[in-house]
N, C-alpha and C. Protein backbone atom coordinates (compact mmCIF):
# COMPACT_ATOMS: atom_id res chain seq x y z
N MET A 1 83.51 95.12 104.38
CA MET A 1 83.29 93.97 105.22
C MET A 1 84.42 93.81 106.24
N LYS A 2 85.67 93.99 105.73
CA LYS A 2 86.81 93.88 106.64
C LYS A 2 86.77 94.96 107.71
N ALA A 3 86.34 96.14 107.32
CA ALA A 3 86.27 97.26 108.27
C ALA A 3 85.29 96.94 109.40
N ASN A 4 84.17 96.34 109.06
CA ASN A 4 83.19 95.96 110.09
C ASN A 4 83.78 94.95 111.06
N ALA A 5 84.53 94.01 110.56
CA ALA A 5 85.16 93.00 111.41
C ALA A 5 86.15 93.67 112.36
N TYR A 6 86.92 94.63 111.86
CA TYR A 6 87.87 95.34 112.72
C TYR A 6 87.15 96.11 113.82
N TRP A 7 86.07 96.77 113.45
CA TRP A 7 85.28 97.51 114.44
C TRP A 7 84.74 96.58 115.51
N MET A 8 84.23 95.43 115.09
CA MET A 8 83.67 94.46 116.06
C MET A 8 84.75 93.97 117.01
N VAL A 9 85.93 93.67 116.49
CA VAL A 9 87.04 93.22 117.34
C VAL A 9 87.43 94.34 118.30
N ALA A 10 87.50 95.55 117.80
CA ALA A 10 87.87 96.68 118.65
C ALA A 10 86.85 96.90 119.75
N LEU A 11 85.57 96.85 119.40
CA LEU A 11 84.52 97.02 120.40
C LEU A 11 84.52 95.90 121.43
N ALA A 12 84.75 94.68 120.97
CA ALA A 12 84.81 93.55 121.90
C ALA A 12 85.97 93.72 122.87
N GLY A 13 87.09 94.18 122.35
CA GLY A 13 88.26 94.42 123.21
C GLY A 13 87.98 95.49 124.26
N LEU A 14 87.32 96.56 123.84
CA LEU A 14 86.97 97.61 124.79
C LEU A 14 85.98 97.11 125.84
N ALA A 15 85.03 96.31 125.40
CA ALA A 15 84.04 95.78 126.34
C ALA A 15 84.71 94.88 127.37
N LEU A 16 85.64 94.05 126.92
CA LEU A 16 86.34 93.17 127.86
C LEU A 16 87.22 93.98 128.81
N ALA A 17 87.84 95.00 128.32
CA ALA A 17 88.69 95.83 129.17
C ALA A 17 87.86 96.53 130.23
N ALA A 18 86.65 96.91 129.90
CA ALA A 18 85.80 97.62 130.85
C ALA A 18 85.14 96.69 131.85
N CYS A 19 85.10 95.40 131.55
CA CYS A 19 84.41 94.45 132.43
C CYS A 19 84.97 94.43 133.83
N ASN A 20 86.28 94.51 133.96
CA ASN A 20 86.89 94.40 135.28
C ASN A 20 87.44 95.74 135.76
N LYS A 21 86.86 96.82 135.27
CA LYS A 21 87.27 98.16 135.68
C LYS A 21 86.53 98.52 136.97
N ALA A 22 87.24 99.09 137.89
CA ALA A 22 86.63 99.47 139.17
C ALA A 22 85.72 100.68 138.99
N GLU A 23 84.55 100.61 139.61
CA GLU A 23 83.63 101.76 139.63
C GLU A 23 84.09 102.71 140.72
N ASN A 24 83.63 103.96 140.64
CA ASN A 24 84.01 104.90 141.68
C ASN A 24 83.23 104.56 142.97
N PRO A 25 83.80 104.90 144.11
CA PRO A 25 83.20 104.51 145.40
C PRO A 25 81.76 105.00 145.59
N ALA A 26 81.44 106.19 145.12
CA ALA A 26 80.07 106.70 145.30
C ALA A 26 79.08 105.85 144.50
N GLU A 27 79.47 105.47 143.29
CA GLU A 27 78.59 104.63 142.47
C GLU A 27 78.43 103.24 143.09
N VAL A 28 79.52 102.70 143.61
CA VAL A 28 79.46 101.40 144.27
C VAL A 28 78.52 101.47 145.47
N GLN A 29 78.66 102.51 146.27
CA GLN A 29 77.81 102.64 147.47
C GLN A 29 76.35 102.76 147.08
N HIS A 30 76.06 103.51 146.03
CA HIS A 30 74.68 103.65 145.56
C HIS A 30 74.14 102.29 145.11
N ASP A 31 74.94 101.57 144.34
CA ASP A 31 74.51 100.26 143.85
C ASP A 31 74.32 99.26 144.99
N VAL A 32 75.20 99.32 145.99
CA VAL A 32 75.08 98.43 147.15
C VAL A 32 73.80 98.74 147.92
N THR A 33 73.53 100.01 148.13
CA THR A 33 72.32 100.43 148.85
C THR A 33 71.07 99.99 148.09
N THR A 34 71.09 100.15 146.79
CA THR A 34 69.95 99.71 145.96
C THR A 34 69.77 98.20 146.05
N ALA A 35 70.87 97.46 145.95
CA ALA A 35 70.80 96.00 146.03
C ALA A 35 70.29 95.55 147.39
N GLN A 36 70.71 96.24 148.45
CA GLN A 36 70.24 95.90 149.80
C GLN A 36 68.73 96.11 149.91
N ALA A 37 68.25 97.22 149.40
CA ALA A 37 66.81 97.52 149.47
C ALA A 37 66.01 96.51 148.66
N GLU A 38 66.47 96.21 147.46
CA GLU A 38 65.78 95.22 146.63
C GLU A 38 65.80 93.85 147.29
N GLY A 39 66.92 93.50 147.88
CA GLY A 39 67.05 92.22 148.56
C GLY A 39 66.10 92.11 149.75
N GLN A 40 65.99 93.17 150.53
CA GLN A 40 65.08 93.17 151.67
C GLN A 40 63.63 92.99 151.21
N LYS A 41 63.28 93.64 150.12
CA LYS A 41 61.93 93.51 149.57
C LYS A 41 61.68 92.09 149.09
N ASP A 42 62.65 91.52 148.38
CA ASP A 42 62.50 90.15 147.89
C ASP A 42 62.35 89.16 149.03
N VAL A 43 63.13 89.33 150.08
CA VAL A 43 63.04 88.44 151.25
C VAL A 43 61.69 88.61 151.94
N ALA A 44 61.25 89.84 152.10
CA ALA A 44 59.95 90.10 152.72
C ALA A 44 58.82 89.48 151.89
N ASP A 45 58.91 89.60 150.58
CA ASP A 45 57.91 88.98 149.71
C ASP A 45 57.90 87.46 149.87
N ALA A 46 59.08 86.87 149.92
CA ALA A 46 59.18 85.41 150.08
C ALA A 46 58.62 84.99 151.43
N GLN A 47 58.89 85.77 152.47
CA GLN A 47 58.35 85.45 153.81
C GLN A 47 56.84 85.54 153.83
N ALA A 48 56.30 86.57 153.22
CA ALA A 48 54.84 86.75 153.18
C ALA A 48 54.18 85.62 152.40
N ASP A 49 54.77 85.25 151.29
CA ASP A 49 54.23 84.16 150.47
C ASP A 49 54.27 82.85 151.25
N ALA A 50 55.38 82.60 151.92
CA ALA A 50 55.52 81.37 152.71
C ALA A 50 54.50 81.33 153.84
N GLN A 51 54.31 82.43 154.53
CA GLN A 51 53.35 82.49 155.63
C GLN A 51 51.93 82.25 155.13
N LYS A 52 51.59 82.80 153.97
CA LYS A 52 50.27 82.61 153.41
C LYS A 52 50.04 81.14 153.06
N ASN A 53 51.03 80.53 152.42
CA ASN A 53 50.89 79.12 152.05
C ASN A 53 50.75 78.22 153.26
N VAL A 54 51.51 78.48 154.30
CA VAL A 54 51.41 77.68 155.53
C VAL A 54 50.05 77.91 156.18
N ALA A 55 49.59 79.14 156.21
CA ALA A 55 48.28 79.45 156.80
C ALA A 55 47.16 78.73 156.04
N ASP A 56 47.26 78.70 154.72
CA ASP A 56 46.26 77.98 153.92
C ASP A 56 46.26 76.49 154.27
N GLN A 57 47.44 75.93 154.40
CA GLN A 57 47.53 74.50 154.74
C GLN A 57 47.02 74.24 156.16
N GLN A 58 47.31 75.15 157.07
CA GLN A 58 46.83 74.99 158.45
C GLN A 58 45.30 75.08 158.51
N GLU A 59 44.74 75.90 157.66
CA GLU A 59 43.28 76.02 157.58
C GLU A 59 42.67 74.69 157.12
N ASP A 60 43.29 74.08 156.11
CA ASP A 60 42.82 72.78 155.63
C ASP A 60 42.96 71.72 156.72
N LEU A 61 44.02 71.80 157.49
CA LEU A 61 44.23 70.86 158.59
C LEU A 61 43.15 71.05 159.65
N ALA A 62 42.83 72.28 159.96
CA ALA A 62 41.79 72.55 160.97
C ALA A 62 40.44 72.01 160.50
N LYS A 63 40.13 72.14 159.22
CA LYS A 63 38.87 71.61 158.68
C LYS A 63 38.84 70.10 158.79
N ALA A 64 39.96 69.46 158.50
CA ALA A 64 40.02 68.00 158.60
C ALA A 64 39.84 67.56 160.04
N ALA A 65 40.44 68.29 160.97
CA ALA A 65 40.30 67.95 162.39
C ALA A 65 38.87 68.15 162.84
N GLN A 66 38.24 69.18 162.35
CA GLN A 66 36.85 69.46 162.69
C GLN A 66 35.92 68.35 162.17
N ASP A 67 36.28 67.77 161.04
CA ASP A 67 35.48 66.69 160.46
C ASP A 67 35.79 65.33 161.10
N ASN A 68 36.74 65.29 162.03
CA ASN A 68 37.16 64.06 162.70
C ASN A 68 37.60 62.98 161.71
N ASP A 69 38.27 63.39 160.65
CA ASP A 69 38.78 62.45 159.65
C ASP A 69 40.28 62.28 159.89
N SER A 70 40.64 61.20 160.60
CA SER A 70 42.03 61.02 161.02
C SER A 70 42.98 60.85 159.85
N ASN A 71 42.53 60.18 158.78
CA ASN A 71 43.39 60.03 157.61
C ASN A 71 43.64 61.38 156.95
N ASP A 72 42.60 62.18 156.84
CA ASP A 72 42.73 63.50 156.24
C ASP A 72 43.59 64.41 157.13
N VAL A 73 43.43 64.28 158.44
CA VAL A 73 44.25 65.06 159.37
C VAL A 73 45.72 64.73 159.16
N GLN A 74 46.01 63.45 159.03
CA GLN A 74 47.39 63.03 158.82
C GLN A 74 47.93 63.58 157.50
N ASP A 75 47.14 63.49 156.44
CA ASP A 75 47.56 64.02 155.14
C ASP A 75 47.75 65.53 155.19
N GLN A 76 46.82 66.23 155.82
CA GLN A 76 46.90 67.68 155.91
C GLN A 76 48.10 68.11 156.76
N SER A 77 48.40 67.33 157.79
CA SER A 77 49.55 67.63 158.64
C SER A 77 50.85 67.52 157.82
N LYS A 78 50.92 66.52 156.96
CA LYS A 78 52.09 66.39 156.08
C LYS A 78 52.18 67.58 155.12
N ASP A 79 51.02 68.00 154.63
CA ASP A 79 51.00 69.14 153.72
C ASP A 79 51.46 70.42 154.40
N VAL A 80 51.11 70.58 155.69
CA VAL A 80 51.58 71.74 156.45
C VAL A 80 53.11 71.70 156.55
N ASN A 81 53.65 70.51 156.87
CA ASN A 81 55.10 70.38 156.99
C ASN A 81 55.80 70.67 155.67
N LYS A 82 55.21 70.19 154.57
CA LYS A 82 55.79 70.46 153.25
C LYS A 82 55.75 71.95 152.93
N ALA A 83 54.64 72.59 153.26
CA ALA A 83 54.52 74.03 152.99
C ALA A 83 55.54 74.81 153.81
N GLU A 84 55.75 74.40 155.05
CA GLU A 84 56.74 75.07 155.89
C GLU A 84 58.14 74.89 155.31
N ALA A 85 58.47 73.66 154.89
CA ALA A 85 59.80 73.39 154.32
C ALA A 85 60.00 74.16 153.02
N LYS A 86 58.97 74.18 152.19
CA LYS A 86 59.06 74.91 150.91
C LYS A 86 59.21 76.41 151.17
N GLY A 87 58.47 76.92 152.14
CA GLY A 87 58.57 78.34 152.48
C GLY A 87 59.94 78.70 153.02
N ASP A 88 60.46 77.84 153.91
CA ASP A 88 61.80 78.08 154.45
C ASP A 88 62.83 78.10 153.34
N TYR A 89 62.65 77.18 152.37
CA TYR A 89 63.57 77.11 151.23
C TYR A 89 63.51 78.41 150.42
N LYS A 90 62.30 78.85 150.10
CA LYS A 90 62.15 80.07 149.30
C LYS A 90 62.75 81.28 150.00
N VAL A 91 62.55 81.37 151.30
CA VAL A 91 63.11 82.49 152.06
C VAL A 91 64.63 82.40 152.08
N ALA A 92 65.16 81.21 152.30
CA ALA A 92 66.61 81.04 152.33
C ALA A 92 67.24 81.40 150.98
N VAL A 93 66.59 80.99 149.90
CA VAL A 93 67.11 81.32 148.57
C VAL A 93 67.02 82.83 148.33
N ALA A 94 65.92 83.44 148.73
CA ALA A 94 65.79 84.90 148.57
C ALA A 94 66.87 85.62 149.36
N GLN A 95 67.16 85.13 150.58
CA GLN A 95 68.21 85.75 151.38
C GLN A 95 69.58 85.57 150.73
N ALA A 96 69.81 84.36 150.19
CA ALA A 96 71.10 84.09 149.54
C ALA A 96 71.27 84.95 148.30
N GLU A 97 70.20 85.09 147.53
CA GLU A 97 70.29 85.92 146.32
C GLU A 97 70.46 87.39 146.67
N ALA A 98 69.83 87.84 147.73
CA ALA A 98 70.01 89.23 148.16
C ALA A 98 71.45 89.47 148.60
N THR A 99 71.99 88.55 149.36
CA THR A 99 73.38 88.65 149.80
C THR A 99 74.32 88.64 148.60
N HIS A 100 74.00 87.81 147.63
CA HIS A 100 74.81 87.71 146.41
C HIS A 100 74.82 89.03 145.64
N LYS A 101 73.64 89.63 145.50
CA LYS A 101 73.56 90.90 144.76
C LYS A 101 74.42 91.97 145.43
N VAL A 102 74.35 92.04 146.74
CA VAL A 102 75.14 93.03 147.47
C VAL A 102 76.63 92.73 147.31
N ALA A 103 77.00 91.46 147.44
CA ALA A 103 78.41 91.09 147.32
C ALA A 103 78.96 91.44 145.93
N VAL A 104 78.18 91.15 144.90
CA VAL A 104 78.63 91.45 143.53
C VAL A 104 78.79 92.96 143.35
N GLU A 105 77.87 93.72 143.89
CA GLU A 105 77.99 95.19 143.78
C GLU A 105 79.24 95.68 144.50
N LYS A 106 79.56 95.09 145.64
CA LYS A 106 80.79 95.48 146.36
C LYS A 106 82.03 95.12 145.57
N CYS A 107 81.95 94.02 144.81
CA CYS A 107 83.08 93.61 143.97
C CYS A 107 83.41 94.66 142.92
N GLU A 108 82.42 95.45 142.54
CA GLU A 108 82.62 96.47 141.51
C GLU A 108 83.64 97.53 141.93
N ALA A 109 83.94 97.61 143.22
CA ALA A 109 84.94 98.57 143.70
C ALA A 109 86.35 98.09 143.38
N LEU A 110 86.47 96.81 143.07
CA LEU A 110 87.78 96.23 142.77
C LEU A 110 88.03 96.27 141.27
N LYS A 111 89.25 95.96 140.87
CA LYS A 111 89.54 95.93 139.44
C LYS A 111 90.32 94.67 139.10
N GLY A 112 90.26 94.34 137.84
CA GLY A 112 91.05 93.23 137.31
C GLY A 112 90.69 91.89 137.92
N ASP A 113 91.75 91.13 138.20
CA ASP A 113 91.56 89.78 138.74
C ASP A 113 90.91 89.79 140.11
N ALA A 114 91.17 90.82 140.90
CA ALA A 114 90.56 90.89 142.22
C ALA A 114 89.04 90.96 142.11
N GLN A 115 88.54 91.73 141.13
CA GLN A 115 87.11 91.83 140.91
C GLN A 115 86.55 90.49 140.45
N LYS A 116 87.23 89.84 139.53
CA LYS A 116 86.78 88.55 139.03
C LYS A 116 86.75 87.52 140.16
N ASP A 117 87.81 87.48 140.97
CA ASP A 117 87.87 86.54 142.09
C ASP A 117 86.75 86.82 143.09
N CYS A 118 86.49 88.08 143.34
CA CYS A 118 85.42 88.48 144.27
C CYS A 118 84.07 87.98 143.76
N LYS A 119 83.81 88.20 142.47
CA LYS A 119 82.53 87.76 141.89
C LYS A 119 82.43 86.24 141.87
N ASP A 120 83.54 85.57 141.58
CA ASP A 120 83.54 84.11 141.60
C ASP A 120 83.23 83.59 143.01
N ARG A 121 83.79 84.23 144.02
CA ARG A 121 83.55 83.86 145.41
C ARG A 121 82.08 84.09 145.77
N ALA A 122 81.52 85.20 145.31
CA ALA A 122 80.11 85.50 145.56
C ALA A 122 79.21 84.46 144.89
N ASP A 123 79.56 84.08 143.66
CA ASP A 123 78.79 83.05 142.95
C ASP A 123 78.87 81.71 143.68
N SER A 124 80.05 81.39 144.15
CA SER A 124 80.25 80.14 144.88
C SER A 124 79.45 80.13 146.18
N ASP A 125 79.46 81.24 146.88
CA ASP A 125 78.69 81.35 148.13
C ASP A 125 77.19 81.19 147.86
N LEU A 126 76.71 81.78 146.76
CA LEU A 126 75.31 81.65 146.39
C LEU A 126 74.96 80.20 146.09
N ASP A 127 75.79 79.55 145.31
CA ASP A 127 75.54 78.14 144.99
C ASP A 127 75.50 77.28 146.25
N ARG A 128 76.43 77.52 147.15
CA ARG A 128 76.49 76.74 148.40
C ARG A 128 75.24 77.00 149.25
N ALA A 129 74.82 78.24 149.34
CA ALA A 129 73.64 78.57 150.14
C ALA A 129 72.38 77.92 149.55
N LYS A 130 72.28 77.90 148.23
CA LYS A 130 71.13 77.26 147.58
C LYS A 130 71.15 75.75 147.83
N ARG A 131 72.33 75.15 147.72
CA ARG A 131 72.43 73.71 147.99
C ARG A 131 72.06 73.39 149.43
N ASP A 132 72.54 74.21 150.37
CA ASP A 132 72.22 74.00 151.78
C ASP A 132 70.72 74.12 152.03
N ALA A 133 70.10 75.11 151.41
CA ALA A 133 68.65 75.30 151.57
C ALA A 133 67.89 74.11 150.99
N GLN A 134 68.35 73.62 149.87
CA GLN A 134 67.69 72.47 149.25
C GLN A 134 67.85 71.22 150.12
N THR A 135 69.03 71.05 150.69
CA THR A 135 69.26 69.91 151.56
C THR A 135 68.35 69.96 152.79
N ARG A 136 68.21 71.15 153.37
CA ARG A 136 67.31 71.31 154.54
C ARG A 136 65.87 71.02 154.13
N ARG A 137 65.46 71.53 152.96
CA ARG A 137 64.09 71.32 152.49
C ARG A 137 63.83 69.83 152.24
N ASP A 138 64.74 69.19 151.55
CA ASP A 138 64.56 67.78 151.21
C ASP A 138 64.66 66.87 152.44
N GLY A 139 65.44 67.31 153.41
CA GLY A 139 65.59 66.51 154.64
C GLY A 139 64.40 66.60 155.57
N SER A 140 63.58 67.63 155.40
CA SER A 140 62.43 67.80 156.30
C SER A 140 61.18 67.16 155.75
N GLY A 141 61.23 66.60 154.54
CA GLY A 141 60.04 66.02 153.92
C GLY A 141 59.86 64.63 154.35
């Protein structure tokens, strides 16, 4: 039992030591390139989804206008604005997350406290970007 505890402590120590170890530049570049490609795809998906949702709402608005229902037109117009704000938010978050992934991968080239500080800065930037996107979304409603 004691031997297992020693092994666990030793493995935990090795894992912690490896956490802030710098990766080689070729591996970092590969990871950055992969993160960039994945991020571009995620942003494109968010943009396509947002455009579809806005188009659906605009279609409903056009039907309401065709029916000459002014109350429904007003409601549908609000729904279009909400869909646009929600879409902008989703795209902004996707862009922020893509930027974050790339930044974290670049941090892997650093070691020790510099790597930790870099990742903390990337996390902070992501949080700020998400808050800003939420503020824009909530302010447009």
